[in-house]
Amino acid sequence: MAKGQDARVRVILECITCIRKSVNKKSPGISKYITQKNRYNTPSLLELKKFCRYCNKHTTHREIKK
């Protein structure tokens, strides 16, 4: 039988540098990644260093709220 709530949830990570650039309309897009996290071990927002193809370097990607 399946449980009501799973411990692992899907989260979307967005580049915080591209978000700042999109306000000035200089960025061609916003880099996004989809990953999973354990909601009980990591209750806070997830931040990872990932490669951004628009910035062309490794930047911090932060979890967005759904």
C-alpha atoms as a PDB file:
ATOM      1  CA  MET A   1       0.000   0.000   0.000  1.00  0.00           C
ATOM      2  CA  ALA A   2       1.198   3.485  -0.813  1.00  0.00           C
ATOM      3  CA  LYS A   3       1.689   6.124   1.849  1.00  0.00           C
ATOM      4  CA  GLY A   4      -0.089   9.467   1.745  1.00  0.00           C
ATOM      5  CA  GLN A   5       3.014  11.655   1.616  1.00  0.00           C
ATOM      6  CA  ASP A   6       6.398  10.675   0.253  1.00  0.00           C
ATOM      7  CA  ALA A   7       9.601  11.871   1.894  1.00  0.00           C
ATOM      8  CA  ARG A   8      11.170  12.711  -1.482  1.00  0.00           C
ATOM      9  CA  VAL A   9       9.672  15.594  -3.438  1.00  0.00           C
ATOM     10  CA  ARG A  10      10.531  17.143  -6.808  1.00  0.00           C
ATOM     11  CA  VAL A  11      11.927  20.670  -6.686  1.00  0.00           C
ATOM     12  CA  ILE A  12      12.841  23.186  -9.378  1.00  0.00           C
ATOM     13  CA  LEU A  13      16.109  25.120  -9.098  1.00  0.00           C
ATOM     14  CA  GLU A  14      16.539  28.507 -10.826  1.00  0.00           C
ATOM     15  CA  CYS A  15      19.719  30.506 -11.411  1.00  0.00           C
ATOM     16  CA  ILE A  16      19.695  33.544  -9.130  1.00  0.00           C
ATOM     17  CA  THR A  17      22.052  35.493 -11.418  1.00  0.00           C
ATOM     18  CA  CYS A  18      19.716  35.134 -14.426  1.00  0.00           C
ATOM     19  CA  ILE A  19      16.741  36.225 -12.320  1.00  0.00           C
ATOM     20  CA  ARG A  20      18.542  39.456 -11.449  1.00  0.00           C
ATOM     21  CA  LYS A  21      19.473  40.023 -15.113  1.00  0.00           C
ATOM     22  CA  SER A  22      15.927  39.358 -16.332  1.00  0.00           C
ATOM     23  CA  VAL A  23      14.763  42.475 -14.469  1.00  0.00           C
ATOM     24  CA  ASN A  24      17.062  44.529 -16.728  1.00  0.00           C
ATOM     25  CA  LYS A  25      16.052  42.428 -19.797  1.00  0.00           C
ATOM     26  CA  LYS A  26      19.678  41.538 -20.622  1.00  0.00           C
ATOM     27  CA  SER A  27      19.373  37.769 -20.114  1.00  0.00           C
ATOM     28  CA  PRO A  28      18.147  35.536 -22.986  1.00  0.00           C
ATOM     29  CA  GLY A  29      16.564  33.129 -20.490  1.00  0.00           C
ATOM     30  CA  ILE A  30      16.623  31.602 -17.010  1.00  0.00           C
ATOM     31  CA  SER A  31      18.462  28.348 -16.314  1.00  0.00           C
ATOM     32  CA  LYS A  32      16.305  25.743 -14.516  1.00  0.00           C
ATOM     33  CA  TYR A  33      17.055  22.277 -13.148  1.00  0.00           C
ATOM     34  CA  ILE A  34      14.683  19.659 -11.739  1.00  0.00           C
ATOM     35  CA  THR A  35      15.885  17.475  -8.864  1.00  0.00           C
ATOM     36  CA  GLN A  36      14.618  15.718  -5.742  1.00  0.00           C
ATOM     37  CA  LYS A  37      15.119  16.361  -2.057  1.00  0.00           C
ATOM     38  CA  ASN A  38      14.093  14.704   1.168  1.00  0.00           C
ATOM     39  CA  ARG A  39      11.594  17.019   2.838  1.00  0.00           C
ATOM     40  CA  TYR A  40      12.392  15.730   6.348  1.00  0.00           C
ATOM     41  CA  ASN A  41      16.209  15.999   6.162  1.00  0.00           C
ATOM     42  CA  THR A  42      16.203  19.302   4.223  1.00  0.00           C
ATOM     43  CA  PRO A  43      13.193  21.413   5.262  1.00  0.00           C
ATOM     44  CA  SER A  44      14.784  24.706   4.142  1.00  0.00           C
ATOM     45  CA  LEU A  45      15.115  25.916   0.550  1.00  0.00           C
ATOM     46  CA  LEU A  46      17.763  24.029  -1.409  1.00  0.00           C
ATOM     47  CA  GLU A  47      20.734  25.895  -2.942  1.00  0.00           C
ATOM     48  CA  LEU A  48      23.231  24.169  -5.244  1.00  0.00           C
ATOM     49  CA  LYS A  49      26.054  25.303  -7.523  1.00  0.00           C
ATOM     50  CA  LYS A  50      25.076  24.275 -11.070  1.00  0.00           C
ATOM     51  CA  PHE A  51      26.178  25.249 -14.575  1.00  0.00           C
ATOM     52  CA  CYS A  52      24.116  28.027 -16.140  1.00  0.00           C
ATOM     53  CA  ARG A  53      24.171  27.922 -19.933  1.00  0.00           C
ATOM     54  CA  TYR A  54      23.042  31.553 -20.196  1.00  0.00           C
ATOM     55  CA  CYS A  55      25.731  32.925 -17.827  1.00  0.00           C
ATOM     56  CA  ASN A  56      28.211  30.341 -19.193  1.00  0.00           C
ATOM     57  CA  LYS A  57      29.603  29.591 -15.712  1.00  0.00           C
ATOM     58  CA  HIS A  58      28.760  27.798 -12.454  1.00  0.00           C
ATOM     59  CA  THR A  59      26.321  29.854 -10.388  1.00  0.00           C
ATOM     60  CA  THR A  60      24.069  29.347  -7.384  1.00  0.00           C
ATOM     61  CA  HIS A  61      20.675  27.861  -8.185  1.00  0.00           C
ATOM     62  CA  ARG A  62      17.930  28.252  -5.589  1.00  0.00           C
ATOM     63  CA  GLU A  63      14.738  26.249  -5.111  1.00  0.00           C
ATOM     64  CA  ILE A  64      11.563  28.050  -6.148  1.00  0.00           C
ATOM     65  CA  LYS A  65       8.197  27.694  -4.498  1.00  0.00           C
ATOM     66  CA  LYS A  66       5.450  26.022  -6.499  1.00  0.00           C
END
